[in-house]
PDB file of all heavy atoms in Angstrom:
ATOM      1  N   LEU A   1      -2.083  24.720   9.465  1.00  0.00           N
ATOM      2  CA  LEU A   1      -3.479  25.165   9.515  1.00  0.00           C
ATOM      3  C   LEU A   1      -4.421  23.972   9.430  1.00  0.00           C
ATOM      4  O   LEU A   1      -5.475  23.937  10.089  1.00  0.00           O
ATOM      5  CB  LEU A   1      -3.750  26.142   8.371  1.00  0.00           C
ATOM      6  CG  LEU A   1      -3.030  27.496   8.468  1.00  0.00           C
ATOM      7  CD1 LEU A   1      -3.301  28.332   7.223  1.00  0.00           C
ATOM      8  CD2 LEU A   1      -3.457  28.250   9.723  1.00  0.00           C
ATOM      9  N   ASP A   2      -4.051  22.986   8.621  1.00  0.00           N
ATOM     10  CA  ASP A   2      -4.855  21.772   8.518  1.00  0.00           C
ATOM     11  C   ASP A   2      -4.892  21.035   9.853  1.00  0.00           C
ATOM     12  O   ASP A   2      -5.936  20.516  10.268  1.00  0.00           O
ATOM     13  CB  ASP A   2      -4.283  20.876   7.422  1.00  0.00           C
ATOM     14  CG  ASP A   2      -5.155  19.671   7.135  1.00  0.00           C
ATOM     15  OD1 ASP A   2      -6.294  19.864   6.682  1.00  0.00           O
ATOM     16  OD2 ASP A   2      -4.697  18.534   7.362  1.00  0.00           O
ATOM     17  N   MET A   3      -3.745  21.000  10.542  1.00  0.00           N
ATOM     18  CA  MET A   3      -3.669  20.337  11.839  1.00  0.00           C
ATOM     19  C   MET A   3      -4.501  21.071  12.883  1.00  0.00           C
ATOM     20  O   MET A   3      -5.118  20.447  13.747  1.00  0.00           O
ATOM     21  CB  MET A   3      -2.207  20.256  12.308  1.00  0.00           C
ATOM     22  CG  MET A   3      -1.335  19.363  11.451  1.00  0.00           C
ATOM     23  SD  MET A   3       0.427  19.540  11.862  1.00  0.00           S
ATOM     24  CE  MET A   3       0.458  18.857  13.530  1.00  0.00           C
ATOM     25  N   ILE A   4      -4.518  22.400  12.818  1.00  0.00           N
ATOM     26  CA  ILE A   4      -5.213  23.190  13.830  1.00  0.00           C
ATOM     27  C   ILE A   4      -6.728  23.177  13.638  1.00  0.00           C
ATOM     28  O   ILE A   4      -7.495  22.972  14.585  1.00  0.00           O
ATOM     29  CB  ILE A   4      -4.702  24.644  13.819  1.00  0.00           C
ATOM     30  CG1 ILE A   4      -3.224  24.685  14.218  1.00  0.00           C
ATOM     31  CG2 ILE A   4      -5.527  25.517  14.769  1.00  0.00           C
ATOM     32  CD1 ILE A   4      -2.561  26.036  13.989  1.00  0.00           C
ATOM     33  N   PHE A   5      -7.166  23.380  12.399  1.00  0.00           N
ATOM     34  CA  PHE A   5      -8.599  23.559  12.146  1.00  0.00           C
ATOM     35  C   PHE A   5      -9.308  22.330  11.624  1.00  0.00           C
ATOM     36  O   PHE A   5     -10.529  22.215  11.763  1.00  0.00           O
ATOM     37  CB  PHE A   5      -8.798  24.712  11.150  1.00  0.00           C
ATOM     38  CG  PHE A   5      -8.333  26.033  11.678  1.00  0.00           C
ATOM     39  CD1 PHE A   5      -7.204  26.643  11.165  1.00  0.00           C
ATOM     40  CD2 PHE A   5      -9.006  26.660  12.715  1.00  0.00           C
ATOM     41  CE1 PHE A   5      -6.766  27.859  11.646  1.00  0.00           C
ATOM     42  CE2 PHE A   5      -8.581  27.870  13.212  1.00  0.00           C
ATOM     43  CZ  PHE A   5      -7.451  28.475  12.679  1.00  0.00           C
ATOM     44  N   MET A   6      -8.552  21.387  11.006  1.00  0.00           N
ATOM     45  CA  MET A   6      -9.179  20.185  10.467  1.00  0.00           C
ATOM     46  C   MET A   6      -8.343  18.954  10.798  1.00  0.00           C
ATOM     47  O   MET A   6      -7.775  18.310   9.917  1.00  0.00           O
ATOM     48  CB  MET A   6      -9.343  20.304   8.948  1.00  0.00           C
ATOM     49  CG  MET A   6     -10.275  21.416   8.518  1.00  0.00           C
ATOM     50  SD  MET A   6     -10.383  21.562   6.721  1.00  0.00           S
ATOM     51  CE  MET A   6      -8.739  22.184   6.351  1.00  0.00           C
ATOM     52  N   PRO A   7      -8.233  18.610  12.084  1.00  0.00           N
ATOM     53  CA  PRO A   7      -7.361  17.505  12.476  1.00  0.00           C
ATOM     54  C   PRO A   7      -7.808  16.150  11.952  1.00  0.00           C
ATOM     55  O   PRO A   7      -7.038  15.203  11.963  1.00  0.00           O
ATOM     56  CB  PRO A   7      -7.429  17.534  14.012  1.00  0.00           C
ATOM     57  CG  PRO A   7      -8.725  18.199  14.322  1.00  0.00           C
ATOM     58  CD  PRO A   7      -8.927  19.210  13.233  1.00  0.00           C
ATOM     59  N   ASP A   8      -9.061  16.029  11.529  1.00  0.00           N
ATOM     60  CA  ASP A   8      -9.540  14.750  11.035  1.00  0.00           C
ATOM     61  C   ASP A   8      -9.454  14.637   9.526  1.00  0.00           C
ATOM     62  O   ASP A   8     -10.020  13.721   8.930  1.00  0.00           O
ATOM     63  CB  ASP A   8     -11.001  14.531  11.475  1.00  0.00           C
ATOM     64  CG  ASP A   8     -11.107  14.379  12.983  1.00  0.00           C
ATOM     65  OD1 ASP A   8     -10.158  13.848  13.578  1.00  0.00           O
ATOM     66  OD2 ASP A   8     -12.124  14.803  13.548  1.00  0.00           O
ATOM     67  N   SER A   9      -8.783  15.592   8.887  1.00  0.00           N
ATOM     68  CA  SER A   9      -8.618  15.515   7.444  1.00  0.00           C
ATOM     69  C   SER A   9      -7.225  15.963   7.079  1.00  0.00           C
ATOM     70  O   SER A   9      -6.519  16.555   7.883  1.00  0.00           O
ATOM     71  CB  SER A   9      -9.628  16.429   6.735  1.00  0.00           C
ATOM     72  OG  SER A   9      -9.396  17.776   7.059  1.00  0.00           O
ATOM     73  N   GLY A  10      -6.814  15.665   5.843  1.00  0.00           N
ATOM     74  CA  GLY A  10      -5.527  16.158   5.382  1.00  0.00           C
ATOM     75  C   GLY A  10      -4.395  15.197   5.602  1.00  0.00           C
ATOM     76  O   GLY A  10      -4.448  14.049   5.200  1.00  0.00           O
ATOM     77  N   MET A  11      -3.307  15.648   6.265  1.00  0.00           N
ATOM     78  CA  MET A  11      -2.061  14.910   6.271  1.00  0.00           C
ATOM     79  C   MET A  11      -2.128  13.620   7.066  1.00  0.00           C
ATOM     80  O   MET A  11      -1.338  12.711   6.842  1.00  0.00           O
ATOM     81  CB  MET A  11      -0.929  15.790   6.825  1.00  0.00           C
ATOM     82  CG  MET A  11      -1.107  16.222   8.260  1.00  0.00           C
ATOM     83  SD  MET A  11       0.222  17.280   8.836  1.00  0.00           S
ATOM     84  CE  MET A  11       1.528  16.100   9.077  1.00  0.00           C
ATOM     85  N   PHE A  12      -3.066  13.491   8.028  1.00  0.00           N
ATOM     86  CA  PHE A  12      -3.119  12.274   8.820  1.00  0.00           C
ATOM     87  C   PHE A  12      -4.307  11.397   8.450  1.00  0.00           C
ATOM     88  O   PHE A  12      -4.712  10.529   9.221  1.00  0.00           O
ATOM     89  CB  PHE A  12      -3.168  12.616  10.323  1.00  0.00           C
ATOM     90  CG  PHE A  12      -1.948  13.318  10.802  1.00  0.00           C
ATOM     91  CD1 PHE A  12      -2.049  14.540  11.445  1.00  0.00           C
ATOM     92  CD2 PHE A  12      -0.695  12.789  10.586  1.00  0.00           C
ATOM     93  CE1 PHE A  12      -0.914  15.202  11.885  1.00  0.00           C
ATOM     94  CE2 PHE A  12       0.447  13.456  11.010  1.00  0.00           C
ATOM     95  CZ  PHE A  12       0.328  14.657  11.668  1.00  0.00           C
ATOM     96  N   THR A  13      -4.896  11.634   7.297  1.00  0.00           N
ATOM     97  CA  THR A  13      -5.967  10.789   6.806  1.00  0.00           C
ATOM     98  C   THR A  13      -5.659  10.401   5.370  1.00  0.00           C
ATOM     99  O   THR A  13      -4.769  10.954   4.734  1.00  0.00           O
ATOM    100  CB  THR A  13      -7.322  11.515   6.844  1.00  0.00           C
ATOM    101  OG1 THR A  13      -7.221  12.715   6.079  1.00  0.00           O
ATOM    102  CG2 THR A  13      -7.724  11.848   8.269  1.00  0.00           C
ATOM    103  N   LEU A  14      -6.394   9.419   4.866  1.00  0.00           N
ATOM    104  CA  LEU A  14      -6.173   8.917   3.528  1.00  0.00           C
ATOM    105  C   LEU A  14      -7.251   9.402   2.590  1.00  0.00           C
ATOM    106  O   LEU A  14      -8.402   9.568   2.985  1.00  0.00           O
ATOM    107  CB  LEU A  14      -6.172   7.378   3.534  1.00  0.00           C
ATOM    108  CG  LEU A  14      -5.135   6.681   4.429  1.00  0.00           C
ATOM    109  CD1 LEU A  14      -5.329   5.177   4.338  1.00  0.00           C
ATOM    110  CD2 LEU A  14      -3.731   7.060   4.033  1.00  0.00           C
ATOM    111  N   SER A  15      -6.854   9.606   1.335  1.00  0.00           N
ATOM    112  CA  SER A  15      -7.853   9.908   0.318  1.00  0.00           C
ATOM    113  C   SER A  15      -8.616   8.631  -0.005  1.00  0.00           C
ATOM    114  O   SER A  15      -8.214   7.527   0.381  1.00  0.00           O
ATOM    115  CB  SER A  15      -7.163  10.444  -0.943  1.00  0.00           C
ATOM    116  OG  SER A  15      -6.377   9.421  -1.525  1.00  0.00           O
ATOM    117  N   LYS A  16      -9.722   8.751  -0.735  1.00  0.00           N
ATOM    118  CA  LYS A  16     -10.507   7.576  -1.088  1.00  0.00           C
ATOM    119  C   LYS A  16      -9.690   6.600  -1.920  1.00  0.00           C
ATOM    120  O   LYS A  16      -9.771   5.387  -1.743  1.00  0.00           O
ATOM    121  CB  LYS A  16     -11.767   8.001  -1.835  1.00  0.00           C
ATOM    122  CG  LYS A  16     -12.782   8.731  -0.963  1.00  0.00           C
ATOM    123  CD  LYS A  16     -14.075   8.964  -1.709  1.00  0.00           C
ATOM    124  CE  LYS A  16     -15.084   9.681  -0.817  1.00  0.00           C
ATOM    125  NZ  LYS A  16     -15.464   8.860   0.353  1.00  0.00           N
ATOM    126  N   ASP A  17      -8.878   7.122  -2.848  1.00  0.00           N
ATOM    127  CA  ASP A  17      -8.034   6.253  -3.670  1.00  0.00           C
ATOM    128  C   ASP A  17      -7.018   5.505  -2.815  1.00  0.00           C
ATOM    129  O   ASP A  17      -6.755   4.311  -3.044  1.00  0.00           O
ATOM    130  CB  ASP A  17      -7.301   7.078  -4.735  1.00  0.00           C
ATOM    131  CG  ASP A  17      -8.247   7.599  -5.809  1.00  0.00           C
ATOM    132  OD1 ASP A  17      -9.350   7.018  -5.953  1.00  0.00           O
ATOM    133  OD2 ASP A  17      -7.892   8.586  -6.482  1.00  0.00           O
ATOM    134  N   GLU A  18      -6.432   6.201  -1.834  1.00  0.00           N
ATOM    135  CA  GLU A  18      -5.451   5.555  -0.955  1.00  0.00           C
ATOM    136  C   GLU A  18      -6.118   4.503  -0.081  1.00  0.00           C
ATOM    137  O   GLU A  18      -5.534   3.445   0.187  1.00  0.00           O
ATOM    138  CB  GLU A  18      -4.753   6.606  -0.097  1.00  0.00           C
ATOM    139  CG  GLU A  18      -3.803   7.503  -0.882  1.00  0.00           C
ATOM    140  CD  GLU A  18      -3.338   8.692  -0.095  1.00  0.00           C
ATOM    141  OE1 GLU A  18      -3.988   9.049   0.904  1.00  0.00           O
ATOM    142  OE2 GLU A  18      -2.323   9.296  -0.489  1.00  0.00           O
ATOM    143  N   GLU A  19      -7.337   4.770   0.377  1.00  0.00           N
ATOM    144  CA  GLU A  19      -8.060   3.787   1.178  1.00  0.00           C
ATOM    145  C   GLU A  19      -8.352   2.530   0.359  1.00  0.00           C
ATOM    146  O   GLU A  19      -8.192   1.406   0.842  1.00  0.00           O
ATOM    147  CB  GLU A  19      -9.361   4.391   1.696  1.00  0.00           C
ATOM    148  CG  GLU A  19      -9.166   5.417   2.807  1.00  0.00           C
ATOM    149  CD  GLU A  19     -10.475   6.010   3.268  1.00  0.00           C
ATOM    150  OE1 GLU A  19     -11.494   5.795   2.575  1.00  0.00           O
ATOM    151  OE2 GLU A  19     -10.479   6.683   4.311  1.00  0.00           O
ATOM    152  N   LEU A  20      -8.775   2.728  -0.894  1.00  0.00           N
ATOM    153  CA  LEU A  20      -9.067   1.583  -1.755  1.00  0.00           C
ATOM    154  C   LEU A  20      -7.809   0.777  -2.031  1.00  0.00           C
ATOM    155  O   LEU A  20      -7.831  -0.458  -2.024  1.00  0.00           O
ATOM    156  CB  LEU A  20      -9.681   2.069  -3.074  1.00  0.00           C
ATOM    157  CG  LEU A  20     -11.100   2.644  -2.975  1.00  0.00           C
ATOM    158  CD1 LEU A  20     -11.521   3.231  -4.316  1.00  0.00           C
ATOM    159  CD2 LEU A  20     -12.087   1.561  -2.527  1.00  0.00           C
ATOM    160  N   GLU A  21      -6.695   1.481  -2.258  1.00  0.00           N
ATOM    161  CA  GLU A  21      -5.438   0.776  -2.518  1.00  0.00           C
ATOM    162  C   GLU A  21      -4.985   0.000  -1.291  1.00  0.00           C
ATOM    163  O   GLU A  21      -4.485  -1.123  -1.393  1.00  0.00           O
ATOM    164  CB  GLU A  21      -4.356   1.776  -2.932  1.00  0.00           C
ATOM    165  CG  GLU A  21      -3.049   1.112  -3.331  1.00  0.00           C
ATOM    166  CD  GLU A  21      -2.037   2.080  -3.913  1.00  0.00           C
ATOM    167  OE1 GLU A  21      -2.335   3.274  -3.940  1.00  0.00           O
ATOM    168  OE2 GLU A  21      -0.965   1.616  -4.336  1.00  0.00           O
ATOM    169  N   ALA A  22      -5.153   0.600  -0.124  1.00  0.00           N
ATOM    170  CA  ALA A  22      -4.766  -0.084   1.114  1.00  0.00           C
ATOM    171  C   ALA A  22      -5.607  -1.328   1.339  1.00  0.00           C
ATOM    172  O   ALA A  22      -5.124  -2.351   1.838  1.00  0.00           O
ATOM    173  CB  ALA A  22      -4.902   0.867   2.309  1.00  0.00           C
ATOM    174  N   GLU A  23      -6.893  -1.260   0.972  1.00  0.00           N
ATOM    175  CA  GLU A  23      -7.767  -2.407   1.144  1.00  0.00           C
ATOM    176  C   GLU A  23      -7.406  -3.531   0.173  1.00  0.00           C
ATOM    177  O   GLU A  23      -7.513  -4.709   0.495  1.00  0.00           O
ATOM    178  CB  GLU A  23      -9.219  -1.984   0.934  1.00  0.00           C
ATOM    179  CG  GLU A  23      -9.755  -1.091   2.047  1.00  0.00           C
ATOM    180  CD  GLU A  23     -11.146  -0.569   1.721  1.00  0.00           C
ATOM    181  OE1 GLU A  23     -11.651  -0.894   0.612  1.00  0.00           O
ATOM    182  OE2 GLU A  23     -11.712   0.154   2.554  1.00  0.00           O
ATOM    183  N   ARG A  24      -6.963  -3.159  -1.041  1.00  0.00           N
ATOM    184  CA  ARG A  24      -6.646  -4.170  -2.051  1.00  0.00           C
ATOM    185  C   ARG A  24      -5.314  -4.852  -1.777  1.00  0.00           C
ATOM    186  O   ARG A  24      -5.106  -6.006  -2.137  1.00  0.00           O
ATOM    187  CB  ARG A  24      -6.587  -3.523  -3.440  1.00  0.00           C
ATOM    188  CG  ARG A  24      -7.933  -3.115  -4.003  1.00  0.00           C
ATOM    189  CD  ARG A  24      -7.817  -2.853  -5.497  1.00  0.00           C
ATOM    190  NE  ARG A  24      -6.813  -1.846  -5.798  1.00  0.00           N
ATOM    191  CZ  ARG A  24      -7.100  -0.559  -5.955  1.00  0.00           C
ATOM    192  NH1 ARG A  24      -8.342  -0.126  -5.824  1.00  0.00           N
ATOM    193  NH2 ARG A  24      -6.147   0.303  -6.237  1.00  0.00           N
ATOM    194  N   LYS A  25      -4.399  -4.149  -1.154  1.00  0.00           N
ATOM    195  CA  LYS A  25      -3.052  -4.672  -0.964  1.00  0.00           C
ATOM    196  C   LYS A  25      -2.890  -5.278   0.424  1.00  0.00           C
ATOM    197  O   LYS A  25      -3.325  -4.721   1.420  1.00  0.00           O
ATOM    198  CB  LYS A  25      -2.025  -3.554  -1.158  1.00  0.00           C
ATOM    199  CG  LYS A  25      -2.008  -2.979  -2.561  1.00  0.00           C
ATOM    200  CD  LYS A  25      -1.072  -1.803  -2.665  1.00  0.00           C
ATOM    201  CE  LYS A  25       0.361  -2.202  -2.423  1.00  0.00           C
ATOM    202  NZ  LYS A  25       1.297  -1.086  -2.621  1.00  0.00           N
ATOM    203  N   ASN A  26      -2.202  -6.435   0.445  1.00  0.00           N
ATOM    204  CA  ASN A  26      -1.874  -7.029   1.737  1.00  0.00           C
ATOM    205  C   ASN A  26      -0.713  -6.301   2.385  1.00  0.00           C
ATOM    206  O   ASN A  26      -0.607  -6.228   3.597  1.00  0.00           O
ATOM    207  CB  ASN A  26      -1.533  -8.518   1.543  1.00  0.00           C
ATOM    208  CG  ASN A  26      -2.734  -9.342   1.141  1.00  0.00           C
ATOM    209  OD1 ASN A  26      -3.844  -9.068   1.588  1.00  0.00           O
ATOM    210  ND2 ASN A  26      -2.527 -10.343   0.288  1.00  0.00           N
ATOM    211  N   ASP A  27       0.191  -5.776   1.561  1.00  0.00           N
ATOM    212  CA  ASP A  27       1.353  -5.064   2.067  1.00  0.00           C
ATOM    213  C   ASP A  27       1.153  -3.568   1.853  1.00  0.00           C
ATOM    214  O   ASP A  27       1.247  -3.062   0.737  1.00  0.00           O
ATOM    215  CB  ASP A  27       2.609  -5.541   1.341  1.00  0.00           C
ATOM    216  CG  ASP A  27       3.873  -4.925   1.948  1.00  0.00           C
ATOM    217  OD1 ASP A  27       3.744  -4.211   2.963  1.00  0.00           O
ATOM    218  OD2 ASP A  27       4.955  -5.176   1.405  1.00  0.00           O
ATOM    219  N   ILE A  28       0.880  -2.867   2.940  1.00  0.00           N
ATOM    220  CA  ILE A  28       0.656  -1.420   2.858  1.00  0.00           C
ATOM    221  C   ILE A  28       1.883  -0.665   3.346  1.00  0.00           C
ATOM    222  O   ILE A  28       1.828   0.546   3.549  1.00  0.00           O
ATOM    223  CB  ILE A  28      -0.559  -1.006   3.709  1.00  0.00           C
ATOM    224  CG1 ILE A  28      -0.316  -1.365   5.177  1.00  0.00           C
ATOM    225  CG2 ILE A  28      -1.830  -1.640   3.179  1.00  0.00           C
ATOM    226  CD1 ILE A  28      -1.335  -0.789   6.131  1.00  0.00           C
ATOM    227  N   SER A  29       2.997  -1.372   3.528  1.00  0.00           N
ATOM    228  CA  SER A  29       4.169  -0.752   4.143  1.00  0.00           C
ATOM    229  C   SER A  29       4.776   0.358   3.286  1.00  0.00           C
ATOM    230  O   SER A  29       5.307   1.333   3.824  1.00  0.00           O
ATOM    231  CB  SER A  29       5.233  -1.814   4.439  1.00  0.00           C
ATOM    232  OG  SER A  29       5.583  -2.524   3.264  1.00  0.00           O
ATOM    233  N   VAL A  30       4.698   0.212   1.958  1.00  0.00           N
ATOM    234  CA  VAL A  30       5.290   1.226   1.087  1.00  0.00           C
ATOM    235  C   VAL A  30       4.294   2.346   0.843  1.00  0.00           C
ATOM    236  O   VAL A  30       4.525   3.505   1.191  1.00  0.00           O
ATOM    237  CB  VAL A  30       5.747   0.607  -0.250  1.00  0.00           C
ATOM    238  CG1 VAL A  30       6.356   1.685  -1.148  1.00  0.00           C
ATOM    239  CG2 VAL A  30       6.746  -0.513  -0.017  1.00  0.00           C
ATOM    240  N   VAL A  31       3.174   2.006   0.197  1.00  0.00           N
ATOM    241  CA  VAL A  31       2.092   2.955  -0.072  1.00  0.00           C
ATOM    242  C   VAL A  31       0.822   2.398   0.534  1.00  0.00           C
ATOM    243  O   VAL A  31       0.467   1.242   0.281  1.00  0.00           O
ATOM    244  CB  VAL A  31       1.897   3.169  -1.592  1.00  0.00           C
ATOM    245  CG1 VAL A  31       0.733   4.121  -1.855  1.00  0.00           C
ATOM    246  CG2 VAL A  31       3.167   3.700  -2.240  1.00  0.00           C
ATOM    247  N   PRO A  32       0.143   3.126   1.379  1.00  0.00           N
ATOM    248  CA  PRO A  32       0.361   4.544   1.691  1.00  0.00           C
ATOM    249  C   PRO A  32       1.133   4.805   2.975  1.00  0.00           C
ATOM    250  O   PRO A  32       1.247   5.953   3.385  1.00  0.00           O
ATOM    251  CB  PRO A  32      -1.077   5.045   1.849  1.00  0.00           C
ATOM    252  CG  PRO A  32      -1.773   3.883   2.492  1.00  0.00           C
ATOM    253  CD  PRO A  32      -1.154   2.651   1.876  1.00  0.00           C
ATOM    254  N   LEU A  33       1.694   3.757   3.623  1.00  0.00           N
ATOM    255  CA  LEU A  33       2.237   3.949   4.968  1.00  0.00           C
ATOM    256  C   LEU A  33       3.574   4.704   4.967  1.00  0.00           C
ATOM    257  O   LEU A  33       3.686   5.772   5.588  1.00  0.00           O
ATOM    258  CB  LEU A  33       2.399   2.596   5.664  1.00  0.00           C
ATOM    259  CG  LEU A  33       2.535   2.619   7.184  1.00  0.00           C
ATOM    260  CD1 LEU A  33       1.406   3.402   7.826  1.00  0.00           C
ATOM    261  CD2 LEU A  33       2.567   1.197   7.732  1.00  0.00           C
ATOM    262  N   ALA A  34       4.600   4.141   4.287  1.00  0.00           N
ATOM    263  CA  ALA A  34       5.908   4.806   4.283  1.00  0.00           C
ATOM    264  C   ALA A  34       5.805   6.200   3.680  1.00  0.00           C
ATOM    265  O   ALA A  34       6.349   7.167   4.204  1.00  0.00           O
ATOM    266  CB  ALA A  34       6.923   3.960   3.518  1.00  0.00           C
ATOM    267  N   THR A  35       5.101   6.273   2.569  1.00  0.00           N
ATOM    268  CA  THR A  35       4.804   7.544   1.928  1.00  0.00           C
ATOM    269  C   THR A  35       3.446   7.443   1.260  1.00  0.00           C
ATOM    270  O   THR A  35       3.155   6.419   0.640  1.00  0.00           O
ATOM    271  CB  THR A  35       5.894   7.934   0.893  1.00  0.00           C
ATOM    272  OG1 THR A  35       5.622   9.232   0.355  1.00  0.00           O
ATOM    273  CG2 THR A  35       5.996   6.919  -0.235  1.00  0.00           C
ATOM    274  N   PRO A  36       2.533   8.360   1.474  1.00  0.00           N
ATOM    275  CA  PRO A  36       2.768   9.706   2.001  1.00  0.00           C
ATOM    276  C   PRO A  36       2.459   9.884   3.482  1.00  0.00           C
ATOM    277  O   PRO A  36       2.532  11.010   3.965  1.00  0.00           O
ATOM    278  CB  PRO A  36       1.787  10.528   1.175  1.00  0.00           C
ATOM    279  CG  PRO A  36       0.621   9.624   1.002  1.00  0.00           C
ATOM    280  CD  PRO A  36       1.197   8.246   0.852  1.00  0.00           C
ATOM    281  N   ILE A  37       2.112   8.811   4.223  1.00  0.00           N
ATOM    282  CA  ILE A  37       1.693   9.010   5.612  1.00  0.00           C
ATOM    283  C   ILE A  37       2.873   9.422   6.504  1.00  0.00           C
ATOM    284  O   ILE A  37       2.791  10.401   7.246  1.00  0.00           O
ATOM    285  CB  ILE A  37       1.009   7.742   6.150  1.00  0.00           C
ATOM    286  CG1 ILE A  37      -0.333   7.520   5.439  1.00  0.00           C
ATOM    287  CG2 ILE A  37       0.779   7.863   7.658  1.00  0.00           C
ATOM    288  CD1 ILE A  37      -1.049   6.256   5.870  1.00  0.00           C
ATOM    289  N   ILE A  38       3.972   8.645   6.465  1.00  0.00           N
ATOM    290  CA  ILE A  38       5.108   8.961   7.338  1.00  0.00           C
ATOM    291  C   ILE A  38       6.004  10.012   6.687  1.00  0.00           C
ATOM    292  O   ILE A  38       6.185  11.108   7.218  1.00  0.00           O
ATOM    293  CB  ILE A  38       5.915   7.690   7.668  1.00  0.00           C
ATOM    294  CG1 ILE A  38       5.023   6.637   8.321  1.00  0.00           C
ATOM    295  CG2 ILE A  38       7.085   8.040   8.583  1.00  0.00           C
ATOM    296  CD1 ILE A  38       5.711   5.302   8.528  1.00  0.00           C
ATOM    297  N   ALA A  39       6.585   9.668   5.557  1.00  0.00           N
ATOM    298  CA  ALA A  39       7.458  10.606   4.836  1.00  0.00           C
ATOM    299  C   ALA A  39       6.643  11.324   3.768  1.00  0.00           C
ATOM    300  O   ALA A  39       6.755  11.019   2.584  1.00  0.00           O
ATOM    301  CB  ALA A  39       8.633   9.847   4.216  1.00  0.00           C
ATOM    302  N   GLY A  40       5.840  12.255   4.202  1.00  0.00           N
ATOM    303  CA  GLY A  40       5.011  13.023   3.291  1.00  0.00           C
ATOM    304  C   GLY A  40       5.727  14.279   2.816  1.00  0.00           C
ATOM    305  O   GLY A  40       6.878  14.546   3.200  1.00  0.00           O
ATOM    306  N   PRO A  41       5.061  15.088   1.996  1.00  0.00           N
ATOM    307  CA  PRO A  41       5.675  16.324   1.492  1.00  0.00           C
ATOM    308  C   PRO A  41       6.132  17.259   2.603  1.00  0.00           C
ATOM    309  O   PRO A  41       7.185  17.899   2.484  1.00  0.00           O
ATOM    310  CB  PRO A  41       4.547  16.953   0.663  1.00  0.00           C
ATOM    311  CG  PRO A  41       3.664  15.810   0.284  1.00  0.00           C
ATOM    312  CD  PRO A  41       3.724  14.864   1.439  1.00  0.00           C
ATOM    313  N   GLY A  42       5.343  17.353   3.673  1.00  0.00           N
ATOM    314  CA  GLY A  42       5.717  18.237   4.775  1.00  0.00           C
ATOM    315  C   GLY A  42       7.004  17.809   5.445  1.00  0.00           C
ATOM    316  O   GLY A  42       7.885  18.635   5.724  1.00  0.00           O
ATOM    317  N   ALA A  43       7.137  16.500   5.705  1.00  0.00           N
ATOM    318  CA  ALA A  43       8.349  15.992   6.344  1.00  0.00           C
ATOM    319  C   ALA A  43       9.552  16.143   5.425  1.00  0.00           C
ATOM    320  O   ALA A  43      10.643  16.526   5.865  1.00  0.00           O
ATOM    321  CB  ALA A  43       8.161  14.524   6.731  1.00  0.00           C
ATOM    322  N   MET A  44       9.370  15.851   4.122  1.00  0.00           N
ATOM    323  CA  MET A  44      10.473  15.999   3.170  1.00  0.00           C
ATOM    324  C   MET A  44      10.928  17.457   3.081  1.00  0.00           C
ATOM    325  O   MET A  44      12.126  17.753   3.162  1.00  0.00           O
ATOM    326  CB  MET A  44      10.036  15.519   1.784  1.00  0.00           C
ATOM    327  CG  MET A  44       9.712  14.040   1.703  1.00  0.00           C
ATOM    328  SD  MET A  44       9.142  13.599   0.040  1.00  0.00           S
ATOM    329  CE  MET A  44       8.379  11.999   0.356  1.00  0.00           C
TER     330      MET A  44
END
């Protein structure tokens, strides 16, 4: 339902905390990229 009605929010976007963490870290490969973006709750 999130994909159908709100494609610009939810599973394929980052929360504000995740955005801040991504900006602070040079290596984003683990968080938030590997999880929760790729291997998120839905995929698991």
